[in-house]
Protein backbone atom coordinates (compact mmCIF):
# COMPACT_ATOMS: atom_id res chain seq x y z
CA MET A 1 84.10 -19.17 -1.90
CA ARG A 2 82.00 -20.46 -4.79
CA PRO A 3 79.63 -22.60 -2.59
CA PHE A 4 78.60 -19.38 -0.89
CA LEU A 5 77.18 -17.89 -4.12
CA PRO A 6 74.36 -20.44 -4.70
CA SER A 7 73.33 -20.18 -1.05
CA LEU A 8 73.20 -16.40 -1.34
CA LEU A 9 71.06 -16.59 -4.49
CA ILE A 10 68.61 -18.98 -2.86
CA ALA A 11 68.34 -16.75 0.21
CA LEU A 12 67.72 -13.69 -1.98
CA LEU A 13 65.07 -15.46 -4.07
CA LEU A 14 63.24 -16.74 -1.02
CA GLY A 15 63.40 -13.36 0.65
CA CYS A 16 61.97 -11.60 -2.40
CA GLY A 17 58.70 -13.48 -2.41
CA SER A 18 55.65 -11.31 -2.73
CA ASP A 19 53.39 -10.69 0.20
CA SER A 20 50.27 -10.94 -1.95
CA LYS A 21 48.07 -12.66 0.58
CA PRO A 22 44.38 -12.74 -0.23
CA PRO A 23 42.41 -10.12 1.65
CA PRO A 24 40.85 -11.43 4.84
CA ALA A 25 37.25 -12.54 4.55
CA PRO A 26 34.82 -10.08 6.07
CA ALA A 27 34.09 -10.89 9.67
CA GLY A 28 30.68 -12.46 9.95
CA VAL A 29 28.40 -14.04 12.49
CA SER A 30 26.28 -17.11 11.82
CA LEU A 31 22.62 -16.57 12.67
CA TYR A 32 19.52 -18.69 12.25
CA LYS A 33 15.79 -18.32 11.96
CA SER A 34 13.11 -20.99 11.94
CA ALA A 35 11.78 -21.77 8.51
CA GLY A 36 8.34 -22.17 10.07
CA SER A 37 7.71 -25.52 8.43
CA VAL A 38 5.85 -28.43 10.04
CA GLN A 39 5.85 -32.20 9.74
CA CYS A 40 3.71 -33.83 7.03
CA THR A 41 2.79 -30.62 5.22
CA GLY A 42 6.10 -28.75 5.09
CA GLY A 43 5.48 -25.12 4.25
CA GLY A 44 7.53 -22.37 5.79
CA VAL A 45 9.99 -20.11 4.01
CA SER A 46 13.00 -20.98 1.88
CA VAL A 47 16.51 -19.78 2.61
CA GLN A 48 16.19 -17.60 -0.51
CA GLU A 49 13.16 -15.88 1.05
CA ILE A 50 15.12 -15.38 4.27
CA GLU A 51 17.91 -13.77 2.21
CA ARG A 52 15.35 -11.47 0.54
CA GLN A 53 13.97 -10.43 3.94
CA LEU A 54 17.45 -9.47 5.13
CA ALA A 55 18.33 -7.69 1.89
CA GLY A 56 15.08 -5.74 2.10
CA ALA A 57 16.21 -4.48 5.50
CA GLY A 58 19.62 -3.48 4.13
CA ILE A 59 21.45 -6.39 5.75
CA LYS A 60 24.19 -8.01 3.68
CA VAL A 61 24.17 -11.81 3.58
CA LEU A 62 27.71 -13.18 3.31
CA SER A 63 26.54 -16.79 2.95
CA SER A 64 23.46 -18.90 3.54
CA THR A 65 22.41 -22.50 3.82
CA CYS A 66 19.64 -24.68 5.18
CA GLY A 67 19.85 -26.42 8.52
CA SER A 68 18.24 -28.43 11.25
CA ASP A 69 18.01 -27.08 14.79
CA GLY A 70 19.06 -30.47 16.24
CA LYS A 71 16.15 -30.63 18.67
CA MET A 72 13.85 -33.62 19.16
CA TYR A 73 10.20 -33.22 18.21
CA PRO A 74 7.30 -35.63 18.66
CA SER A 75 6.47 -37.41 15.43
CA MET A 76 3.12 -35.83 14.73
CA CYS A 77 1.68 -34.05 11.72
CA GLY A 78 1.54 -30.32 12.33
CA SER A 79 4.42 -30.33 14.84
CA PRO A 80 7.55 -28.31 14.03
CA ASP A 81 10.15 -30.13 11.96
CA GLY A 82 13.20 -28.19 13.15
CA ARG A 83 14.09 -26.75 9.75
CA ILE A 84 16.07 -23.48 9.97
CA GLY A 85 17.70 -21.01 7.63
CA ILE A 86 21.33 -20.27 8.49
CA VAL A 87 22.90 -17.02 7.33
CA GLU A 88 26.17 -15.27 7.94
CA VAL A 89 25.99 -11.49 8.24
CA PRO A 90 28.61 -8.84 9.02
CA ASP A 91 29.31 -8.22 12.71
CA SER A 92 28.01 -4.69 12.34
CA GLN A 93 24.55 -5.91 11.25
CA VAL A 94 23.87 -8.58 13.86
CA GLN A 95 21.66 -6.30 15.98
CA ALA A 96 19.51 -5.33 13.00
CA ALA A 97 19.05 -9.01 12.11
CA ALA A 98 18.20 -9.82 15.75
CA ARG A 99 15.36 -7.28 15.57
CA MET A 100 14.02 -9.37 12.66
CA GLY A 101 13.94 -12.55 14.74
CA PHE A 102 17.38 -13.98 13.97
CA ALA A 103 19.44 -15.50 16.78
CA PRO A 104 23.08 -16.65 17.04
CA LEU A 105 23.60 -20.14 15.64
CA SER A 106 25.76 -20.77 18.71
CA ASP A 107 22.49 -20.85 20.71
CA LEU A 108 21.77 -24.20 18.99
CA PRO A 109 24.74 -26.42 19.90
CA ASP A 110 23.23 -29.45 18.10
CA ALA A 111 22.28 -27.61 14.90
CA THR A 112 23.60 -28.97 11.62
CA LYS A 113 23.78 -27.69 8.09
CA VAL A 114 21.77 -29.76 5.64
CA PRO A 115 21.28 -29.57 1.88
CA CYS A 116 18.45 -27.30 0.87
CA GLN A 117 15.52 -29.13 -0.72
């Protein structure tokens, strides 16, 4: 009967574990907007400026990064360079962001995240 006691203790200890799971991350949707920069001269807006635009409209930015739209452009000064700002916003604010010119990142299947310069 003694071998039963350690097994019972182990079962009790394992069953008494806490259910303290971290809260789920807020649901968000990845959106993008062209940075408006061009080859040779750069320009355009930074991802920080894109964040400020969204915040000014009352839209919460869950995360942000820089990216490339993955499209091919002719190598010519003044042509677009494909730089985009990628943001994640709550599901409930996607429509408001769309009115500001943001589109779902899923519309750009070849887009990649790149380090911000």
